Amino acid sequence: MSVPVEVLVQKEYTKNIKMRLEDIQSIGDWLKQQPHLPQEYITDLEIILAYHSCEGCIEQTTKVIDLNYTLRTLFSFYQNRRIDISLETALHTWLITFLDTPTKKGYSAIYCQLLDADPQKFVYNDVVKAFVMLMDLWQWEKGTVPGVAVILNMDKVSVSHLSRMDLNVAQQFFYFLQEAMFVRLKEFHFINASNFIDTLMSMVKPFMKKEMLDILKIHPVGSDSLEEYIPKAALPKEAGGENKEGNVLRDEIWNKIKSNEEFFEAELKKRVEESKRPGGPKTMSTFFSGFEGSFKKLEID
């Protein structure tokens, strides 16, 4: 958070020739009329991120802004942003990092890889929390990008890990990723996919829209097909790339998170006051009919 937001905003107008100041101001005026939204804490940078993710459509941008902060208030992985032992365990169990090399279409790639294969250390909600925390921080620093590609390395992932997935959290995560996150999601890759990828897909496919299924690519163990999208050299050494080793990247990410504690404390203020929402409050059941207790952790033989 060392760079003033005004500087970051001006940078966006410089790099995005289609960014219309009057549109951003119009959305800001709309925001001031929304008593339930955290107006005083939402910056022009976040309006710009939303506007860019909606391809410059003002009406869609206002809907996504409202939805984004509503879901931040409701969803479990946005409830606790403390930098504590549970977050440290998540980020030492899973490597979650942005790669320096863009995809061949110019998209920014976020890479996820299991570092510790012990299923008992895998807490799905904590890993999702870590993912969205890093996304928020990265967007604040990076600003808009042409698109985002997610690369999930399934090496070391076992059926025991799948059995520890909380499907309520998975439903929330995929809904947020597809409907409310201020990004243009362009690619989603499973690499080193083993024979139980069908089990995983049967779990998460109900939460994916057709548009996401269309960009989903599954690369089996031993396949080099990911290289059609991004050079293999971009990956960590353990994945056959020329990047740093996973443990080094892990430590860099953890240190970055720790040094930005104030950012996450400030982000916690960006929540909705449902009692002030015109037309009445929204709850989890607004988005997921019969949500309460609708899923439990999957039991796999």
C-alpha atoms as a PDB file:
ATOM      1  CA  MET A   1       0.000   0.000   0.000  1.00  0.00           C
ATOM      2  CA  SER A   2       3.025   2.257  -0.268  1.00  0.00           C
ATOM      3  CA  VAL A   3       1.920   3.764  -3.598  1.00  0.00           C
ATOM      4  CA  PRO A   4      -0.887   6.352  -3.172  1.00  0.00           C
ATOM      5  CA  VAL A   5      -4.145   5.259  -4.758  1.00  0.00           C
ATOM      6  CA  GLU A   6      -4.235   8.473  -6.811  1.00  0.00           C
ATOM      7  CA  VAL A   7      -1.003   7.430  -8.528  1.00  0.00           C
ATOM      8  CA  LEU A   8      -2.387   3.961  -9.256  1.00  0.00           C
ATOM      9  CA  VAL A   9      -5.577   5.447 -10.692  1.00  0.00           C
ATOM     10  CA  GLN A  10      -3.697   7.833 -12.963  1.00  0.00           C
ATOM     11  CA  LYS A  11      -1.599   4.932 -14.193  1.00  0.00           C
ATOM     12  CA  GLU A  12      -4.805   3.151 -15.241  1.00  0.00           C
ATOM     13  CA  TYR A  13      -5.940   6.075 -17.397  1.00  0.00           C
ATOM     14  CA  THR A  14      -2.503   6.093 -19.026  1.00  0.00           C
ATOM     15  CA  LYS A  15      -2.397   2.398 -19.884  1.00  0.00           C
ATOM     16  CA  ASN A  16      -6.084   2.030 -20.815  1.00  0.00           C
ATOM     17  CA  ILE A  17      -6.960   4.405 -23.636  1.00  0.00           C
ATOM     18  CA  LYS A  18     -10.570   3.153 -23.535  1.00  0.00           C
ATOM     19  CA  MET A  19     -10.924   4.033 -19.843  1.00  0.00           C
ATOM     20  CA  ARG A  20     -13.455   6.877 -19.764  1.00  0.00           C
ATOM     21  CA  LEU A  21     -13.123   9.290 -16.854  1.00  0.00           C
ATOM     22  CA  GLU A  22     -16.761  10.323 -17.181  1.00  0.00           C
ATOM     23  CA  ASP A  23     -17.862   6.680 -16.858  1.00  0.00           C
ATOM     24  CA  ILE A  24     -15.839   6.222 -13.675  1.00  0.00           C
ATOM     25  CA  GLN A  25     -17.315   9.425 -12.289  1.00  0.00           C
ATOM     26  CA  SER A  26     -20.814   8.270 -13.214  1.00  0.00           C
ATOM     27  CA  ILE A  27     -20.293   5.010 -11.349  1.00  0.00           C
ATOM     28  CA  GLY A  28     -18.909   6.963  -8.396  1.00  0.00           C
ATOM     29  CA  ASP A  29     -22.066   9.099  -8.378  1.00  0.00           C
ATOM     30  CA  TRP A  30     -24.195   5.938  -8.405  1.00  0.00           C
ATOM     31  CA  LEU A  31     -22.147   4.549  -5.504  1.00  0.00           C
ATOM     32  CA  LYS A  32     -22.930   7.615  -3.382  1.00  0.00           C
ATOM     33  CA  GLN A  33     -26.628   6.765  -3.698  1.00  0.00           C
ATOM     34  CA  GLN A  34     -26.210   3.241  -2.290  1.00  0.00           C
ATOM     35  CA  PRO A  35     -26.620   3.504   1.506  1.00  0.00           C
ATOM     36  CA  HIS A  36     -25.749  -0.158   2.120  1.00  0.00           C
ATOM     37  CA  LEU A  37     -22.399  -0.119   0.317  1.00  0.00           C
ATOM     38  CA  PRO A  38     -19.135   0.931   2.040  1.00  0.00           C
ATOM     39  CA  GLN A  39     -18.874   4.127  -0.034  1.00  0.00           C
ATOM     40  CA  GLU A  40     -16.133   5.806   1.963  1.00  0.00           C
ATOM     41  CA  TYR A  41     -13.810   2.828   1.598  1.00  0.00           C
ATOM     42  CA  ILE A  42     -14.312   1.953  -2.092  1.00  0.00           C
ATOM     43  CA  THR A  43     -11.696   3.779  -4.150  1.00  0.00           C
ATOM     44  CA  ASP A  44     -11.632   4.815  -7.791  1.00  0.00           C
ATOM     45  CA  LEU A  45      -9.128   2.020  -8.370  1.00  0.00           C
ATOM     46  CA  GLU A  46     -11.688  -0.591  -7.392  1.00  0.00           C
ATOM     47  CA  ILE A  47     -14.300   1.080  -9.577  1.00  0.00           C
ATOM     48  CA  ILE A  48     -11.794   0.940 -12.450  1.00  0.00           C
ATOM     49  CA  LEU A  49     -11.068  -2.750 -11.805  1.00  0.00           C
ATOM     50  CA  ALA A  50     -14.782  -3.531 -11.874  1.00  0.00           C
ATOM     51  CA  TYR A  51     -15.391  -1.368 -14.961  1.00  0.00           C
ATOM     52  CA  HIS A  52     -12.507  -3.050 -16.810  1.00  0.00           C
ATOM     53  CA  SER A  53     -13.717  -6.539 -15.857  1.00  0.00           C
ATOM     54  CA  CYS A  54     -17.156  -5.638 -17.268  1.00  0.00           C
ATOM     55  CA  GLU A  55     -15.698  -4.506 -20.601  1.00  0.00           C
ATOM     56  CA  GLY A  56     -16.654  -0.853 -19.953  1.00  0.00           C
ATOM     57  CA  CYS A  57     -20.380  -1.448 -19.425  1.00  0.00           C
ATOM     58  CA  ILE A  58     -21.610   0.949 -16.731  1.00  0.00           C
ATOM     59  CA  GLU A  59     -24.808  -0.939 -15.918  1.00  0.00           C
ATOM     60  CA  GLN A  60     -23.008  -4.246 -15.554  1.00  0.00           C
ATOM     61  CA  THR A  61     -20.263  -2.604 -13.494  1.00  0.00           C
ATOM     62  CA  THR A  62     -22.741  -1.299 -10.910  1.00  0.00           C
ATOM     63  CA  LYS A  63     -24.294  -4.764 -10.604  1.00  0.00           C
ATOM     64  CA  VAL A  64     -20.896  -6.422 -10.155  1.00  0.00           C
ATOM     65  CA  ILE A  65     -19.749  -3.857  -7.577  1.00  0.00           C
ATOM     66  CA  ASP A  66     -22.877  -4.457  -5.516  1.00  0.00           C
ATOM     67  CA  LEU A  67     -22.514  -8.226  -5.850  1.00  0.00           C
ATOM     68  CA  ASN A  68     -18.790  -8.197  -5.030  1.00  0.00           C
ATOM     69  CA  TYR A  69     -19.162  -6.406  -1.718  1.00  0.00           C
ATOM     70  CA  THR A  70     -22.332  -8.299  -0.845  1.00  0.00           C
ATOM     71  CA  LEU A  71     -20.507 -11.610  -1.246  1.00  0.00           C
ATOM     72  CA  ARG A  72     -17.464 -10.343   0.649  1.00  0.00           C
ATOM     73  CA  THR A  73     -19.856  -9.781   3.532  1.00  0.00           C
ATOM     74  CA  LEU A  74     -21.526 -13.197   3.244  1.00  0.00           C
ATOM     75  CA  PHE A  75     -18.930 -15.704   2.115  1.00  0.00           C
ATOM     76  CA  SER A  76     -16.875 -17.596   4.683  1.00  0.00           C
ATOM     77  CA  PHE A  77     -13.463 -17.045   3.124  1.00  0.00           C
ATOM     78  CA  TYR A  78     -13.853 -13.264   3.474  1.00  0.00           C
ATOM     79  CA  GLN A  79     -14.803 -13.335   7.157  1.00  0.00           C
ATOM     80  CA  ASN A  80     -11.333 -13.624   8.668  1.00  0.00           C
ATOM     81  CA  ARG A  81      -8.373 -11.930   7.024  1.00  0.00           C
ATOM     82  CA  ARG A  82      -6.020 -12.222   9.960  1.00  0.00           C
ATOM     83  CA  ILE A  83      -2.456 -13.226   9.226  1.00  0.00           C
ATOM     84  CA  ASP A  84      -2.373 -16.153  11.618  1.00  0.00           C
ATOM     85  CA  ILE A  85      -1.237 -19.749  11.929  1.00  0.00           C
ATOM     86  CA  SER A  86      -4.104 -21.084   9.793  1.00  0.00           C
ATOM     87  CA  LEU A  87      -3.134 -18.793   6.912  1.00  0.00           C
ATOM     88  CA  GLU A  88       0.542 -19.651   7.349  1.00  0.00           C
ATOM     89  CA  THR A  89      -0.271 -23.363   7.218  1.00  0.00           C
ATOM     90  CA  ALA A  90      -2.359 -22.866   4.070  1.00  0.00           C
ATOM     91  CA  LEU A  91       0.419 -20.962   2.302  1.00  0.00           C
ATOM     92  CA  HIS A  92       3.050 -23.485   3.384  1.00  0.00           C
ATOM     93  CA  THR A  93       0.892 -26.375   2.217  1.00  0.00           C
ATOM     94  CA  TRP A  94      -0.037 -24.786  -1.121  1.00  0.00           C
ATOM     95  CA  LEU A  95       2.078 -22.540  -3.305  1.00  0.00           C
ATOM     96  CA  ILE A  96      -0.116 -19.773  -4.729  1.00  0.00           C
ATOM     97  CA  THR A  97       1.832 -17.284  -6.804  1.00  0.00           C
ATOM     98  CA  PHE A  98       1.611 -15.123  -9.904  1.00  0.00           C
ATOM     99  CA  LEU A  99       4.078 -16.093 -12.593  1.00  0.00           C
ATOM    100  CA  ASP A 100       6.341 -13.440 -14.100  1.00  0.00           C
ATOM    101  CA  THR A 101       5.770 -14.800 -17.608  1.00  0.00           C
ATOM    102  CA  PRO A 102       2.370 -14.072 -19.180  1.00  0.00           C
ATOM    103  CA  THR A 103       0.490 -16.630 -21.233  1.00  0.00           C
ATOM    104  CA  LYS A 104       0.914 -16.607 -24.998  1.00  0.00           C
ATOM    105  CA  LYS A 105      -2.240 -14.474 -25.245  1.00  0.00           C
ATOM    106  CA  GLY A 106      -0.857 -11.960 -22.770  1.00  0.00           C
ATOM    107  CA  TYR A 107      -2.827 -13.031 -19.693  1.00  0.00           C
ATOM    108  CA  SER A 108      -1.434 -12.983 -16.159  1.00  0.00           C
ATOM    109  CA  ALA A 109      -1.110 -16.484 -14.720  1.00  0.00           C
ATOM    110  CA  ILE A 110      -1.739 -17.442 -11.102  1.00  0.00           C
ATOM    111  CA  TYR A 111      -0.141 -20.785 -10.345  1.00  0.00           C
ATOM    112  CA  CYS A 112      -1.194 -23.202  -7.577  1.00  0.00           C
ATOM    113  CA  GLN A 113       0.812 -26.244  -6.508  1.00  0.00           C
ATOM    114  CA  LEU A 114       0.608 -28.555  -3.501  1.00  0.00           C
ATOM    115  CA  LEU A 115       3.872 -28.435  -1.535  1.00  0.00           C
ATOM    116  CA  ASP A 116       3.001 -30.679   1.411  1.00  0.00           C
ATOM    117  CA  ALA A 117       1.185 -33.858   0.413  1.00  0.00           C
ATOM    118  CA  ASP A 118      -0.175 -34.587   3.907  1.00  0.00           C
ATOM    119  CA  PRO A 119      -3.990 -34.390   3.525  1.00  0.00           C
ATOM    120  CA  GLN A 120      -4.387 -33.610   7.236  1.00  0.00           C
ATOM    121  CA  LYS A 121      -2.786 -30.219   6.635  1.00  0.00           C
ATOM    122  CA  PHE A 122      -5.216 -29.359   3.844  1.00  0.00           C
ATOM    123  CA  VAL A 123      -8.001 -27.055   5.032  1.00  0.00           C
ATOM    124  CA  TYR A 124      -9.924 -26.078   1.926  1.00  0.00           C
ATOM    125  CA  ASN A 125     -11.505 -22.913   3.336  1.00  0.00           C
ATOM    126  CA  ASP A 126      -8.096 -21.609   4.424  1.00  0.00           C
ATOM    127  CA  VAL A 127      -6.573 -22.257   0.986  1.00  0.00           C
ATOM    128  CA  VAL A 128      -9.446 -20.438  -0.729  1.00  0.00           C
ATOM    129  CA  LYS A 129      -9.052 -17.577   1.753  1.00  0.00           C
ATOM    130  CA  ALA A 130      -5.346 -17.379   0.923  1.00  0.00           C
ATOM    131  CA  PHE A 131      -6.119 -17.382  -2.812  1.00  0.00           C
ATOM    132  CA  VAL A 132      -8.541 -14.451  -2.652  1.00  0.00           C
ATOM    133  CA  MET A 133      -6.276 -12.504  -0.274  1.00  0.00           C
ATOM    134  CA  LEU A 134      -3.435 -12.782  -2.772  1.00  0.00           C
ATOM    135  CA  MET A 135      -5.750 -11.830  -5.632  1.00  0.00           C
ATOM    136  CA  ASP A 136      -6.897  -8.709  -3.773  1.00  0.00           C
ATOM    137  CA  LEU A 137      -3.351  -7.632  -2.964  1.00  0.00           C
ATOM    138  CA  TRP A 138      -2.070  -8.398  -6.462  1.00  0.00           C
ATOM    139  CA  GLN A 139      -4.877  -6.400  -8.083  1.00  0.00           C
ATOM    140  CA  TRP A 140      -4.186  -3.433  -5.827  1.00  0.00           C
ATOM    141  CA  GLU A 141      -0.538  -3.443  -6.885  1.00  0.00           C
ATOM    142  CA  LYS A 142      -0.934  -4.492 -10.516  1.00  0.00           C
ATOM    143  CA  GLY A 143      -4.193  -2.833 -11.537  1.00  0.00           C
ATOM    144  CA  THR A 144      -6.013  -4.012 -14.633  1.00  0.00           C
ATOM    145  CA  VAL A 145      -4.635  -6.762 -16.866  1.00  0.00           C
ATOM    146  CA  PRO A 146      -5.920  -8.151 -20.185  1.00  0.00           C
ATOM    147  CA  GLY A 147      -6.997 -11.357 -18.512  1.00  0.00           C
ATOM    148  CA  VAL A 148      -6.185 -13.944 -15.838  1.00  0.00           C
ATOM    149  CA  ALA A 149      -5.292 -17.611 -16.275  1.00  0.00           C
ATOM    150  CA  VAL A 150      -5.450 -20.043 -13.351  1.00  0.00           C
ATOM    151  CA  ILE A 151      -3.039 -22.996 -13.460  1.00  0.00           C
ATOM    152  CA  LEU A 152      -3.652 -25.723 -10.879  1.00  0.00           C
ATOM    153  CA  ASN A 153      -0.945 -28.377 -10.671  1.00  0.00           C
ATOM    154  CA  MET A 154      -2.540 -31.643  -9.501  1.00  0.00           C
ATOM    155  CA  ASP A 155       0.808 -33.281  -8.732  1.00  0.00           C
ATOM    156  CA  LYS A 156       0.755 -34.645  -5.138  1.00  0.00           C
ATOM    157  CA  VAL A 157      -3.017 -34.185  -4.916  1.00  0.00           C
ATOM    158  CA  SER A 158      -4.745 -37.399  -3.808  1.00  0.00           C
ATOM    159  CA  VAL A 159      -8.275 -38.661  -3.380  1.00  0.00           C
ATOM    160  CA  SER A 160      -7.806 -37.975   0.336  1.00  0.00           C
ATOM    161  CA  HIS A 161      -7.452 -34.263  -0.463  1.00  0.00           C
ATOM    162  CA  LEU A 162     -10.709 -34.334  -2.418  1.00  0.00           C
ATOM    163  CA  SER A 163     -12.496 -35.886   0.544  1.00  0.00           C
ATOM    164  CA  ARG A 164     -11.503 -32.855   2.629  1.00  0.00           C
ATOM    165  CA  MET A 165     -13.061 -30.334   0.249  1.00  0.00           C
ATOM    166  CA  ASP A 166     -15.987 -28.417   1.718  1.00  0.00           C
ATOM    167  CA  LEU A 167     -18.488 -28.215  -1.138  1.00  0.00           C
ATOM    168  CA  ASN A 168     -20.286 -25.258   0.426  1.00  0.00           C
ATOM    169  CA  VAL A 169     -17.040 -23.299   0.197  1.00  0.00           C
ATOM    170  CA  ALA A 170     -16.391 -24.621  -3.319  1.00  0.00           C
ATOM    171  CA  GLN A 171     -19.815 -23.411  -4.422  1.00  0.00           C
ATOM    172  CA  GLN A 172     -19.148 -19.977  -2.929  1.00  0.00           C
ATOM    173  CA  PHE A 173     -15.675 -19.758  -4.465  1.00  0.00           C
ATOM    174  CA  PHE A 174     -16.715 -20.654  -8.007  1.00  0.00           C
ATOM    175  CA  TYR A 175     -19.700 -18.322  -7.816  1.00  0.00           C
ATOM    176  CA  PHE A 176     -17.500 -15.447  -6.671  1.00  0.00           C
ATOM    177  CA  LEU A 177     -14.823 -16.204  -9.267  1.00  0.00           C
ATOM    178  CA  GLN A 178     -17.318 -16.273 -12.147  1.00  0.00           C
ATOM    179  CA  GLU A 179     -19.816 -13.619 -11.108  1.00  0.00           C
ATOM    180  CA  ALA A 180     -18.196 -11.061  -8.828  1.00  0.00           C
ATOM    181  CA  MET A 181     -14.392 -10.971  -8.933  1.00  0.00           C
ATOM    182  CA  PHE A 182     -13.009  -7.883 -10.670  1.00  0.00           C
ATOM    183  CA  VAL A 183     -11.060  -9.868 -13.272  1.00  0.00           C
ATOM    184  CA  ARG A 184     -11.460 -11.172 -16.795  1.00  0.00           C
ATOM    185  CA  LEU A 185     -11.023 -14.908 -16.264  1.00  0.00           C
ATOM    186  CA  LYS A 186      -9.717 -16.218 -19.577  1.00  0.00           C
ATOM    187  CA  GLU A 187      -8.122 -19.608 -18.920  1.00  0.00           C
ATOM    188  CA  PHE A 188      -8.336 -22.334 -16.269  1.00  0.00           C
ATOM    189  CA  HIS A 189      -5.919 -25.267 -16.426  1.00  0.00           C
ATOM    190  CA  PHE A 190      -5.554 -28.507 -14.495  1.00  0.00           C
ATOM    191  CA  ILE A 191      -2.081 -29.887 -15.147  1.00  0.00           C
ATOM    192  CA  ASN A 192      -0.685 -33.301 -14.165  1.00  0.00           C
ATOM    193  CA  ALA A 193      -4.277 -34.476 -13.947  1.00  0.00           C
ATOM    194  CA  SER A 194      -4.450 -38.086 -12.777  1.00  0.00           C
ATOM    195  CA  ASN A 195      -7.211 -40.643 -13.228  1.00  0.00           C
ATOM    196  CA  PHE A 196      -9.342 -39.209 -10.403  1.00  0.00           C
ATOM    197  CA  ILE A 197      -9.801 -35.878 -12.212  1.00  0.00           C
ATOM    198  CA  ASP A 198     -13.241 -37.177 -13.185  1.00  0.00           C
ATOM    199  CA  THR A 199     -14.113 -37.395  -9.491  1.00  0.00           C
ATOM    200  CA  LEU A 200     -13.007 -33.818  -8.930  1.00  0.00           C
ATOM    201  CA  MET A 201     -14.958 -32.609 -11.948  1.00  0.00           C
ATOM    202  CA  SER A 202     -18.094 -34.390 -10.768  1.00  0.00           C
ATOM    203  CA  MET A 203     -17.755 -32.398  -7.534  1.00  0.00           C
ATOM    204  CA  VAL A 204     -17.168 -28.929  -8.986  1.00  0.00           C
ATOM    205  CA  LYS A 205     -18.817 -29.054 -12.411  1.00  0.00           C
ATOM    206  CA  PRO A 206     -22.261 -28.212 -10.962  1.00  0.00           C
ATOM    207  CA  PHE A 207     -20.769 -24.888  -9.834  1.00  0.00           C
ATOM    208  CA  MET A 208     -19.355 -23.971 -13.245  1.00  0.00           C
ATOM    209  CA  LYS A 209     -21.188 -22.027 -15.918  1.00  0.00           C
ATOM    210  CA  LYS A 210     -20.865 -23.002 -19.557  1.00  0.00           C
ATOM    211  CA  GLU A 211     -18.504 -20.070 -20.128  1.00  0.00           C
ATOM    212  CA  MET A 212     -16.106 -21.452 -17.554  1.00  0.00           C
ATOM    213  CA  LEU A 213     -16.349 -24.991 -18.821  1.00  0.00           C
ATOM    214  CA  ASP A 214     -15.444 -23.639 -22.257  1.00  0.00           C
ATOM    215  CA  ILE A 215     -12.130 -22.217 -20.963  1.00  0.00           C
ATOM    216  CA  LEU A 216     -11.307 -25.207 -18.755  1.00  0.00           C
ATOM    217  CA  LYS A 217      -8.434 -27.343 -20.033  1.00  0.00           C
ATOM    218  CA  ILE A 218      -7.307 -30.628 -18.506  1.00  0.00           C
ATOM    219  CA  HIS A 219      -3.714 -31.708 -19.141  1.00  0.00           C
ATOM    220  CA  PRO A 220      -2.983 -35.344 -18.140  1.00  0.00           C
ATOM    221  CA  VAL A 221       0.158 -36.508 -16.353  1.00  0.00           C
ATOM    222  CA  GLY A 222       3.068 -36.516 -18.810  1.00  0.00           C
ATOM    223  CA  SER A 223       1.380 -34.165 -21.253  1.00  0.00           C
ATOM    224  CA  ASP A 224       3.144 -31.072 -22.629  1.00  0.00           C
ATOM    225  CA  SER A 225      -0.078 -29.527 -23.890  1.00  0.00           C
ATOM    226  CA  LEU A 226       0.140 -26.620 -21.399  1.00  0.00           C
ATOM    227  CA  GLU A 227       2.965 -25.278 -23.572  1.00  0.00           C
ATOM    228  CA  GLU A 228       0.323 -24.326 -26.144  1.00  0.00           C
ATOM    229  CA  TYR A 229      -0.738 -21.660 -23.649  1.00  0.00           C
ATOM    230  CA  ILE A 230       2.355 -20.683 -21.641  1.00  0.00           C
ATOM    231  CA  PRO A 231       6.055 -21.589 -21.913  1.00  0.00           C
ATOM    232  CA  LYS A 232       6.979 -24.431 -19.575  1.00  0.00           C
ATOM    233  CA  ALA A 233       9.975 -22.391 -18.453  1.00  0.00           C
ATOM    234  CA  ALA A 234       7.578 -20.079 -16.577  1.00  0.00           C
ATOM    235  CA  LEU A 235       6.764 -22.835 -14.066  1.00  0.00           C
ATOM    236  CA  PRO A 236       8.670 -23.623 -10.847  1.00  0.00           C
ATOM    237  CA  LYS A 237      11.575 -26.025 -11.107  1.00  0.00           C
ATOM    238  CA  GLU A 238       9.616 -28.909  -9.562  1.00  0.00           C
ATOM    239  CA  ALA A 239       7.095 -28.610 -12.385  1.00  0.00           C
ATOM    240  CA  GLY A 240       9.823 -28.815 -15.016  1.00  0.00           C
ATOM    241  CA  GLY A 241      10.195 -25.073 -15.458  1.00  0.00           C
ATOM    242  CA  GLU A 242      13.035 -22.603 -15.040  1.00  0.00           C
ATOM    243  CA  ASN A 243      11.390 -20.468 -12.371  1.00  0.00           C
ATOM    244  CA  LYS A 244      12.520 -20.529  -8.740  1.00  0.00           C
ATOM    245  CA  GLU A 245      11.895 -23.551  -6.565  1.00  0.00           C
ATOM    246  CA  GLY A 246       8.475 -23.786  -4.970  1.00  0.00           C
ATOM    247  CA  ASN A 247       9.781 -23.312  -1.436  1.00  0.00           C
ATOM    248  CA  VAL A 248      11.525 -20.083  -2.442  1.00  0.00           C
ATOM    249  CA  LEU A 249       8.387 -18.748  -4.123  1.00  0.00           C
ATOM    250  CA  ARG A 250       6.369 -19.820  -1.071  1.00  0.00           C
ATOM    251  CA  ASP A 251       8.597 -17.830   1.278  1.00  0.00           C
ATOM    252  CA  GLU A 252       8.393 -14.770  -0.968  1.00  0.00           C
ATOM    253  CA  ILE A 253       4.602 -14.914  -0.954  1.00  0.00           C
ATOM    254  CA  TRP A 254       4.373 -15.442   2.807  1.00  0.00           C
ATOM    255  CA  ASN A 255       6.701 -12.499   3.473  1.00  0.00           C
ATOM    256  CA  LYS A 256       4.650 -10.353   1.103  1.00  0.00           C
ATOM    257  CA  ILE A 257       1.441 -11.226   2.926  1.00  0.00           C
ATOM    258  CA  LYS A 258       2.992 -10.457   6.318  1.00  0.00           C
ATOM    259  CA  SER A 259       4.276  -7.079   5.149  1.00  0.00           C
ATOM    260  CA  ASN A 260       0.801  -6.028   4.007  1.00  0.00           C
ATOM    261  CA  GLU A 261      -1.190  -6.606   7.173  1.00  0.00           C
ATOM    262  CA  GLU A 262      -2.534  -3.032   7.072  1.00  0.00           C
ATOM    263  CA  PHE A 263      -3.936  -3.622   3.590  1.00  0.00           C
ATOM    264  CA  PHE A 264      -6.032  -6.554   4.795  1.00  0.00           C
ATOM    265  CA  GLU A 265      -7.157  -4.719   7.919  1.00  0.00           C
ATOM    266  CA  ALA A 266      -8.389  -1.865   5.708  1.00  0.00           C
ATOM    267  CA  GLU A 267     -10.089  -4.291   3.322  1.00  0.00           C
ATOM    268  CA  LEU A 268     -12.220  -5.672   6.171  1.00  0.00           C
ATOM    269  CA  LYS A 269     -14.031  -2.332   6.300  1.00  0.00           C
ATOM    270  CA  LYS A 270     -15.376  -2.879   2.782  1.00  0.00           C
ATOM    271  CA  ARG A 271     -18.506  -4.735   3.820  1.00  0.00           C
ATOM    272  CA  VAL A 272     -22.225  -4.219   3.235  1.00  0.00           C
ATOM    273  CA  GLU A 273     -24.730  -3.058   5.858  1.00  0.00           C
ATOM    274  CA  GLU A 274     -27.703  -5.130   4.773  1.00  0.00           C
ATOM    275  CA  SER A 275     -30.063  -3.327   7.129  1.00  0.00           C
ATOM    276  CA  LYS A 276     -29.623  -0.231   4.958  1.00  0.00           C
ATOM    277  CA  ARG A 277     -30.177  -1.950   1.594  1.00  0.00           C
ATOM    278  CA  PRO A 278     -33.116  -0.531  -0.378  1.00  0.00           C
ATOM    279  CA  GLY A 279     -35.635  -3.296  -0.927  1.00  0.00           C
ATOM    280  CA  GLY A 280     -34.474  -5.379   1.996  1.00  0.00           C
ATOM    281  CA  PRO A 281     -31.398  -7.422   2.962  1.00  0.00           C
ATOM    282  CA  LYS A 282     -29.777 -10.182   0.958  1.00  0.00           C
ATOM    283  CA  THR A 283     -28.726 -13.441   2.583  1.00  0.00           C
ATOM    284  CA  MET A 284     -26.956 -16.597   1.471  1.00  0.00           C
ATOM    285  CA  SER A 285     -30.331 -18.016   0.406  1.00  0.00           C
ATOM    286  CA  THR A 286     -30.687 -15.080  -2.007  1.00  0.00           C
ATOM    287  CA  PHE A 287     -27.943 -16.692  -4.098  1.00  0.00           C
ATOM    288  CA  PHE A 288     -28.237 -20.371  -3.193  1.00  0.00           C
ATOM    289  CA  SER A 289     -31.757 -21.612  -2.609  1.00  0.00           C
ATOM    290  CA  GLY A 290     -31.883 -23.928   0.382  1.00  0.00           C
ATOM    291  CA  PHE A 291     -28.194 -23.264   0.970  1.00  0.00           C
ATOM    292  CA  GLU A 292     -28.035 -23.918   4.703  1.00  0.00           C
ATOM    293  CA  GLY A 293     -26.444 -27.319   5.104  1.00  0.00           C
ATOM    294  CA  SER A 294     -26.927 -28.138   1.447  1.00  0.00           C
ATOM    295  CA  PHE A 295     -23.523 -29.791   1.139  1.00  0.00           C
ATOM    296  CA  LYS A 296     -21.226 -31.613   3.475  1.00  0.00           C
ATOM    297  CA  LYS A 297     -17.658 -32.725   2.994  1.00  0.00           C
ATOM    298  CA  LEU A 298     -17.569 -35.477   0.427  1.00  0.00           C
ATOM    299  CA  GLU A 299     -16.869 -38.969   1.645  1.00  0.00           C
ATOM    300  CA  ILE A 300     -14.906 -40.986  -0.894  1.00  0.00           C
ATOM    301  CA  ASP A 301     -14.177 -44.660  -0.472  1.00  0.00           C
END
